[in-house]
Amino acid sequence: MGAGHQRLQAEALAFAAGHARKSDRFDGTILSLSRRYQTGPASPFQRLKHNSRRKDLYTLKLIEAAFGNRSLAALRVGDFYRWYDKAKEPKAPGDPERLRRAYGIIKKLRELFAYGVMAELPDCARLYAILRHARFKQPARRRISMDLSHVQAFIATALRLDRLSLALGTAIQFETALRQKDVIGEWEPISAGEGGGSFVLRGRR
């Protein structure tokens, strides 16, 4: 793969990850606060790992699409409860409420306003104080955890399918309590201007 092609791939990945999201001009709306959060050099967003940043962007896009044009100065606590109630509605009749989605939006709004306080943007301190005191129902904690029987069943299946690396990696992860990425590594985007190293696949290293 040529250096020019690698650079173009890196730029495309950077754009997809939100690095190139334009305009940090603040006009008092949620949208402009979100974009400032994504592009500001002092923003916590800049220090997130690529996988965390991808999750962040998913929630930010939901917020921008739903209420990005709302003025911060006009927001009151009732707006947040209304948005939460709307976001938790089931995807289809009979489906469970989407509490995780709704609470994730509120949590991200808190983080946006906290950043706005640090950046000394108007109305952010007031809104952060409101959300710090407001209470929203959180999703239940996931109770299922991997135990020995799960691991034994997985390893037996992996060996039967001749997937020795899956069997070994899972055994090591379970016995050492390490995270999966600490055992097998992870693929990450290649940042603009950086070399890919020895292991490159589909624009990732």
C-alpha atoms as a PDB file:
ATOM      1  CA  MET A   1       0.000   0.000   0.000  1.00  0.00           C
ATOM      2  CA  GLY A   2       1.512   3.359  -1.068  1.00  0.00           C
ATOM      3  CA  ALA A   3       2.094   6.216   1.352  1.00  0.00           C
ATOM      4  CA  GLY A   4      -0.377   8.444  -0.525  1.00  0.00           C
ATOM      5  CA  HIS A   5      -3.119   5.854  -0.349  1.00  0.00           C
ATOM      6  CA  GLN A   6      -2.460   5.291   3.349  1.00  0.00           C
ATOM      7  CA  ARG A   7      -2.704   9.012   4.008  1.00  0.00           C
ATOM      8  CA  LEU A   8      -6.054   9.262   2.185  1.00  0.00           C
ATOM      9  CA  GLN A   9      -7.381   6.292   4.141  1.00  0.00           C
ATOM     10  CA  ALA A  10      -6.217   7.854   7.392  1.00  0.00           C
ATOM     11  CA  GLU A  11      -7.948  11.126   6.524  1.00  0.00           C
ATOM     12  CA  ALA A  12     -11.166   9.295   5.687  1.00  0.00           C
ATOM     13  CA  LEU A  13     -11.034   7.393   8.985  1.00  0.00           C
ATOM     14  CA  ALA A  14     -10.348  10.603  10.875  1.00  0.00           C
ATOM     15  CA  PHE A  15     -13.359  12.255   9.271  1.00  0.00           C
ATOM     16  CA  ALA A  16     -15.583   9.286  10.065  1.00  0.00           C
ATOM     17  CA  ALA A  17     -14.408   9.386  13.682  1.00  0.00           C
ATOM     18  CA  GLY A  18     -15.449  13.017  13.986  1.00  0.00           C
ATOM     19  CA  HIS A  19     -12.000  14.631  13.824  1.00  0.00           C
ATOM     20  CA  ALA A  20     -13.065  16.738  10.859  1.00  0.00           C
ATOM     21  CA  ARG A  21     -16.497  17.761  12.092  1.00  0.00           C
ATOM     22  CA  LYS A  22     -16.493  21.441  11.304  1.00  0.00           C
ATOM     23  CA  SER A  23     -17.329  24.639  13.094  1.00  0.00           C
ATOM     24  CA  ASP A  24     -16.515  25.309  16.695  1.00  0.00           C
ATOM     25  CA  ARG A  25     -18.454  28.587  16.491  1.00  0.00           C
ATOM     26  CA  PHE A  26     -20.842  28.787  19.453  1.00  0.00           C
ATOM     27  CA  ASP A  27     -24.242  30.340  18.687  1.00  0.00           C
ATOM     28  CA  GLY A  28     -26.061  29.345  21.862  1.00  0.00           C
ATOM     29  CA  THR A  29     -27.663  26.139  20.555  1.00  0.00           C
ATOM     30  CA  ILE A  30     -27.178  22.529  21.604  1.00  0.00           C
ATOM     31  CA  LEU A  31     -25.817  21.770  18.129  1.00  0.00           C
ATOM     32  CA  SER A  32     -23.081  24.380  18.403  1.00  0.00           C
ATOM     33  CA  LEU A  33     -22.196  23.183  21.917  1.00  0.00           C
ATOM     34  CA  SER A  34     -21.944  19.611  20.621  1.00  0.00           C
ATOM     35  CA  ARG A  35     -19.659  20.635  17.750  1.00  0.00           C
ATOM     36  CA  ARG A  36     -17.521  22.733  20.085  1.00  0.00           C
ATOM     37  CA  TYR A  37     -17.236  19.705  22.391  1.00  0.00           C
ATOM     38  CA  GLN A  38     -16.086  17.568  19.445  1.00  0.00           C
ATOM     39  CA  THR A  39     -13.514  20.016  18.091  1.00  0.00           C
ATOM     40  CA  GLY A  40     -12.264  22.019  21.083  1.00  0.00           C
ATOM     41  CA  PRO A  41      -8.627  21.199  21.904  1.00  0.00           C
ATOM     42  CA  ALA A  42      -9.359  21.216  25.661  1.00  0.00           C
ATOM     43  CA  SER A  43     -12.453  19.024  25.342  1.00  0.00           C
ATOM     44  CA  PRO A  44     -12.482  15.595  27.066  1.00  0.00           C
ATOM     45  CA  PHE A  45     -13.583  14.246  23.667  1.00  0.00           C
ATOM     46  CA  GLN A  46     -10.038  14.703  22.345  1.00  0.00           C
ATOM     47  CA  ARG A  47      -8.680  12.337  25.002  1.00  0.00           C
ATOM     48  CA  LEU A  48     -11.103   9.474  24.327  1.00  0.00           C
ATOM     49  CA  LYS A  49      -9.886   6.267  22.700  1.00  0.00           C
ATOM     50  CA  HIS A  50     -11.219   5.581  19.232  1.00  0.00           C
ATOM     51  CA  ASN A  51     -13.823   3.018  20.359  1.00  0.00           C
ATOM     52  CA  SER A  52     -15.138   5.312  23.123  1.00  0.00           C
ATOM     53  CA  ARG A  53     -15.210   8.194  20.665  1.00  0.00           C
ATOM     54  CA  ARG A  54     -17.319   6.125  18.263  1.00  0.00           C
ATOM     55  CA  LYS A  55     -19.893   5.460  21.022  1.00  0.00           C
ATOM     56  CA  ASP A  56     -19.810   9.145  21.972  1.00  0.00           C
ATOM     57  CA  LEU A  57     -20.522  10.197  18.403  1.00  0.00           C
ATOM     58  CA  TYR A  58     -23.508   7.866  18.168  1.00  0.00           C
ATOM     59  CA  THR A  59     -25.190   9.562  21.143  1.00  0.00           C
ATOM     60  CA  LEU A  60     -24.144  13.040  20.015  1.00  0.00           C
ATOM     61  CA  LYS A  61     -25.754  12.466  16.624  1.00  0.00           C
ATOM     62  CA  LEU A  62     -29.004  11.451  18.349  1.00  0.00           C
ATOM     63  CA  ILE A  63     -28.903  14.645  20.408  1.00  0.00           C
ATOM     64  CA  GLU A  64     -28.067  16.864  17.437  1.00  0.00           C
ATOM     65  CA  ALA A  65     -30.846  15.401  15.293  1.00  0.00           C
ATOM     66  CA  ALA A  66     -33.516  15.527  18.001  1.00  0.00           C
ATOM     67  CA  PHE A  67     -32.913  18.909  19.628  1.00  0.00           C
ATOM     68  CA  GLY A  68     -29.774  20.450  18.176  1.00  0.00           C
ATOM     69  CA  ASN A  69     -31.533  23.669  17.200  1.00  0.00           C
ATOM     70  CA  ARG A  70     -32.803  24.382  20.728  1.00  0.00           C
ATOM     71  CA  SER A  71     -31.384  27.450  22.434  1.00  0.00           C
ATOM     72  CA  LEU A  72     -29.649  26.794  25.752  1.00  0.00           C
ATOM     73  CA  ALA A  73     -31.081  29.991  27.192  1.00  0.00           C
ATOM     74  CA  ALA A  74     -34.642  28.722  26.669  1.00  0.00           C
ATOM     75  CA  LEU A  75     -34.190  25.269  28.221  1.00  0.00           C
ATOM     76  CA  ARG A  76     -35.864  24.334  31.512  1.00  0.00           C
ATOM     77  CA  VAL A  77     -35.944  21.138  33.577  1.00  0.00           C
ATOM     78  CA  GLY A  78     -39.254  20.122  31.994  1.00  0.00           C
ATOM     79  CA  ASP A  79     -37.564  19.901  28.588  1.00  0.00           C
ATOM     80  CA  PHE A  80     -35.122  17.279  29.849  1.00  0.00           C
ATOM     81  CA  TYR A  81     -37.844  15.148  31.440  1.00  0.00           C
ATOM     82  CA  ARG A  82     -39.873  15.344  28.242  1.00  0.00           C
ATOM     83  CA  TRP A  83     -36.868  14.356  26.098  1.00  0.00           C
ATOM     84  CA  TYR A  84     -36.069  11.496  28.445  1.00  0.00           C
ATOM     85  CA  ASP A  85     -39.655  10.181  28.302  1.00  0.00           C
ATOM     86  CA  LYS A  86     -39.660  10.383  24.511  1.00  0.00           C
ATOM     87  CA  ALA A  87     -36.273   8.658  24.156  1.00  0.00           C
ATOM     88  CA  LYS A  88     -37.274   5.727  26.378  1.00  0.00           C
ATOM     89  CA  GLU A  89     -40.388   4.890  24.357  1.00  0.00           C
ATOM     90  CA  PRO A  90     -40.364   1.328  22.946  1.00  0.00           C
ATOM     91  CA  LYS A  91     -39.102   0.949  19.412  1.00  0.00           C
ATOM     92  CA  ALA A  92     -42.295  -0.910  18.507  1.00  0.00           C
ATOM     93  CA  PRO A  93     -45.537  -1.632  20.395  1.00  0.00           C
ATOM     94  CA  GLY A  94     -44.960  -4.400  22.911  1.00  0.00           C
ATOM     95  CA  ASP A  95     -41.187  -3.905  23.022  1.00  0.00           C
ATOM     96  CA  PRO A  96     -39.476  -2.959  26.327  1.00  0.00           C
ATOM     97  CA  GLU A  97     -38.759   0.664  27.162  1.00  0.00           C
ATOM     98  CA  ARG A  98     -35.355   1.887  25.990  1.00  0.00           C
ATOM     99  CA  LEU A  99     -34.108   3.148  29.351  1.00  0.00           C
ATOM    100  CA  ARG A 100     -30.450   2.667  28.447  1.00  0.00           C
ATOM    101  CA  ARG A 101     -30.850   4.891  25.374  1.00  0.00           C
ATOM    102  CA  ALA A 102     -32.769   7.586  27.270  1.00  0.00           C
ATOM    103  CA  TYR A 103     -30.399   7.668  30.231  1.00  0.00           C
ATOM    104  CA  GLY A 104     -27.407   7.731  27.864  1.00  0.00           C
ATOM    105  CA  ILE A 105     -28.765  10.898  26.248  1.00  0.00           C
ATOM    106  CA  ILE A 106     -29.210  12.609  29.618  1.00  0.00           C
ATOM    107  CA  LYS A 107     -25.747  11.519  30.715  1.00  0.00           C
ATOM    108  CA  LYS A 108     -24.208  12.926  27.540  1.00  0.00           C
ATOM    109  CA  LEU A 109     -26.095  16.218  27.972  1.00  0.00           C
ATOM    110  CA  ARG A 110     -24.599  16.487  31.471  1.00  0.00           C
ATOM    111  CA  GLU A 111     -21.142  15.982  29.964  1.00  0.00           C
ATOM    112  CA  LEU A 112     -21.797  18.594  27.275  1.00  0.00           C
ATOM    113  CA  PHE A 113     -22.866  21.167  29.849  1.00  0.00           C
ATOM    114  CA  ALA A 114     -19.901  20.297  32.094  1.00  0.00           C
ATOM    115  CA  TYR A 115     -17.598  20.984  29.158  1.00  0.00           C
ATOM    116  CA  GLY A 116     -19.484  24.219  28.484  1.00  0.00           C
ATOM    117  CA  VAL A 117     -18.814  25.303  32.079  1.00  0.00           C
ATOM    118  CA  MET A 118     -15.079  24.691  31.586  1.00  0.00           C
ATOM    119  CA  ALA A 119     -15.185  26.568  28.272  1.00  0.00           C
ATOM    120  CA  GLU A 120     -17.068  29.455  29.972  1.00  0.00           C
ATOM    121  CA  LEU A 121     -19.989  29.262  27.564  1.00  0.00           C
ATOM    122  CA  PRO A 122     -23.226  31.015  28.586  1.00  0.00           C
ATOM    123  CA  ASP A 123     -26.086  29.071  30.228  1.00  0.00           C
ATOM    124  CA  CYS A 124     -24.036  25.888  30.632  1.00  0.00           C
ATOM    125  CA  ALA A 125     -23.482  26.335  34.383  1.00  0.00           C
ATOM    126  CA  ARG A 126     -27.228  26.793  34.941  1.00  0.00           C
ATOM    127  CA  LEU A 127     -28.139  23.746  32.860  1.00  0.00           C
ATOM    128  CA  TYR A 128     -25.417  21.584  34.415  1.00  0.00           C
ATOM    129  CA  ALA A 129     -26.750  22.478  37.878  1.00  0.00           C
ATOM    130  CA  ILE A 130     -30.281  21.503  36.802  1.00  0.00           C
ATOM    131  CA  LEU A 131     -29.196  18.093  35.503  1.00  0.00           C
ATOM    132  CA  ARG A 132     -26.947  17.493  38.507  1.00  0.00           C
ATOM    133  CA  HIS A 133     -30.005  17.676  40.769  1.00  0.00           C
ATOM    134  CA  ALA A 134     -32.613  16.147  38.444  1.00  0.00           C
ATOM    135  CA  ARG A 135     -33.230  12.409  38.801  1.00  0.00           C
ATOM    136  CA  PHE A 136     -33.890   9.987  35.951  1.00  0.00           C
ATOM    137  CA  LYS A 137     -34.514   6.263  36.189  1.00  0.00           C
ATOM    138  CA  GLN A 138     -31.405   4.325  35.248  1.00  0.00           C
ATOM    139  CA  PRO A 139     -31.401   1.023  33.357  1.00  0.00           C
ATOM    140  CA  ALA A 140     -30.937  -2.102  35.426  1.00  0.00           C
ATOM    141  CA  ARG A 141     -27.387  -3.351  35.651  1.00  0.00           C
ATOM    142  CA  ARG A 142     -26.568  -6.285  33.449  1.00  0.00           C
ATOM    143  CA  ARG A 143     -26.537  -9.311  35.762  1.00  0.00           C
ATOM    144  CA  ILE A 144     -25.185 -12.004  33.446  1.00  0.00           C
ATOM    145  CA  SER A 145     -21.458 -12.594  33.786  1.00  0.00           C
ATOM    146  CA  MET A 146     -19.232 -15.247  32.289  1.00  0.00           C
ATOM    147  CA  ASP A 147     -18.697 -18.250  34.541  1.00  0.00           C
ATOM    148  CA  LEU A 148     -16.742 -21.479  34.206  1.00  0.00           C
ATOM    149  CA  SER A 149     -19.560 -23.373  32.495  1.00  0.00           C
ATOM    150  CA  HIS A 150     -19.806 -20.688  29.782  1.00  0.00           C
ATOM    151  CA  VAL A 151     -16.053 -20.809  29.199  1.00  0.00           C
ATOM    152  CA  GLN A 152     -15.956 -24.594  29.027  1.00  0.00           C
ATOM    153  CA  ALA A 153     -18.822 -24.680  26.536  1.00  0.00           C
ATOM    154  CA  PHE A 154     -17.223 -21.984  24.377  1.00  0.00           C
ATOM    155  CA  ILE A 155     -13.810 -23.664  24.357  1.00  0.00           C
ATOM    156  CA  ALA A 156     -15.320 -27.055  23.458  1.00  0.00           C
ATOM    157  CA  THR A 157     -17.150 -25.469  20.496  1.00  0.00           C
ATOM    158  CA  ALA A 158     -14.059 -23.530  19.383  1.00  0.00           C
ATOM    159  CA  LEU A 159     -11.933 -26.699  19.444  1.00  0.00           C
ATOM    160  CA  ARG A 160     -14.569 -28.598  17.509  1.00  0.00           C
ATOM    161  CA  LEU A 161     -14.473 -25.863  14.842  1.00  0.00           C
ATOM    162  CA  ASP A 162     -10.652 -25.918  14.844  1.00  0.00           C
ATOM    163  CA  ARG A 163     -10.496 -22.349  16.151  1.00  0.00           C
ATOM    164  CA  LEU A 164      -7.587 -22.899  18.521  1.00  0.00           C
ATOM    165  CA  SER A 165      -6.804 -19.196  18.937  1.00  0.00           C
ATOM    166  CA  LEU A 166     -10.361 -18.489  20.162  1.00  0.00           C
ATOM    167  CA  ALA A 167     -10.156 -21.338  22.661  1.00  0.00           C
ATOM    168  CA  LEU A 168      -6.758 -20.247  23.992  1.00  0.00           C
ATOM    169  CA  GLY A 169      -7.586 -16.552  24.118  1.00  0.00           C
ATOM    170  CA  THR A 170     -10.841 -17.182  25.994  1.00  0.00           C
ATOM    171  CA  ALA A 171      -9.120 -19.488  28.497  1.00  0.00           C
ATOM    172  CA  ILE A 172      -6.389 -16.922  29.194  1.00  0.00           C
ATOM    173  CA  GLN A 173      -8.920 -14.103  29.536  1.00  0.00           C
ATOM    174  CA  PHE A 174     -11.018 -16.062  32.031  1.00  0.00           C
ATOM    175  CA  GLU A 175      -8.131 -17.414  34.127  1.00  0.00           C
ATOM    176  CA  THR A 176      -6.269 -14.097  34.368  1.00  0.00           C
ATOM    177  CA  ALA A 177      -9.298 -11.732  34.549  1.00  0.00           C
ATOM    178  CA  LEU A 178      -7.713  -9.666  31.780  1.00  0.00           C
ATOM    179  CA  ARG A 179      -9.782  -7.718  29.285  1.00  0.00           C
ATOM    180  CA  GLN A 180     -10.179  -9.236  25.846  1.00  0.00           C
ATOM    181  CA  LYS A 181      -8.105  -6.532  24.174  1.00  0.00           C
ATOM    182  CA  ASP A 182      -5.278  -7.138  26.665  1.00  0.00           C
ATOM    183  CA  VAL A 183      -5.170 -10.766  25.534  1.00  0.00           C
ATOM    184  CA  ILE A 184      -5.665 -10.492  21.762  1.00  0.00           C
ATOM    185  CA  GLY A 185      -5.037  -6.786  21.092  1.00  0.00           C
ATOM    186  CA  GLU A 186      -7.347  -4.486  19.120  1.00  0.00           C
ATOM    187  CA  TRP A 187      -7.550  -2.768  15.740  1.00  0.00           C
ATOM    188  CA  GLU A 188      -7.369   1.022  15.774  1.00  0.00           C
ATOM    189  CA  PRO A 189      -7.665   3.694  13.059  1.00  0.00           C
ATOM    190  CA  ILE A 190      -4.453   5.093  11.589  1.00  0.00           C
ATOM    191  CA  SER A 191      -4.285   8.808  12.386  1.00  0.00           C
ATOM    192  CA  ALA A 192      -3.338  11.246   9.665  1.00  0.00           C
ATOM    193  CA  GLY A 193       0.433  11.487   9.255  1.00  0.00           C
ATOM    194  CA  GLU A 194       1.163   8.274  11.179  1.00  0.00           C
ATOM    195  CA  GLY A 195       2.637   5.107   9.729  1.00  0.00           C
ATOM    196  CA  GLY A 196       0.635   1.921   9.900  1.00  0.00           C
ATOM    197  CA  GLY A 197       3.424  -0.314  11.174  1.00  0.00           C
ATOM    198  CA  SER A 198       3.790  -3.975  10.293  1.00  0.00           C
ATOM    199  CA  PHE A 199       0.149  -5.045  10.704  1.00  0.00           C
ATOM    200  CA  VAL A 200      -2.365  -3.106   8.590  1.00  0.00           C
ATOM    201  CA  LEU A 201      -5.786  -4.304   7.456  1.00  0.00           C
ATOM    202  CA  ARG A 202      -8.479  -2.208   5.756  1.00  0.00           C
ATOM    203  CA  GLY A 203      -6.961   1.059   6.932  1.00  0.00           C
ATOM    204  CA  ARG A 204      -6.500  -0.043  10.518  1.00  0.00           C
ATOM    205  CA  ARG A 205      -3.429  -1.213  12.402  1.00  0.00           C
END
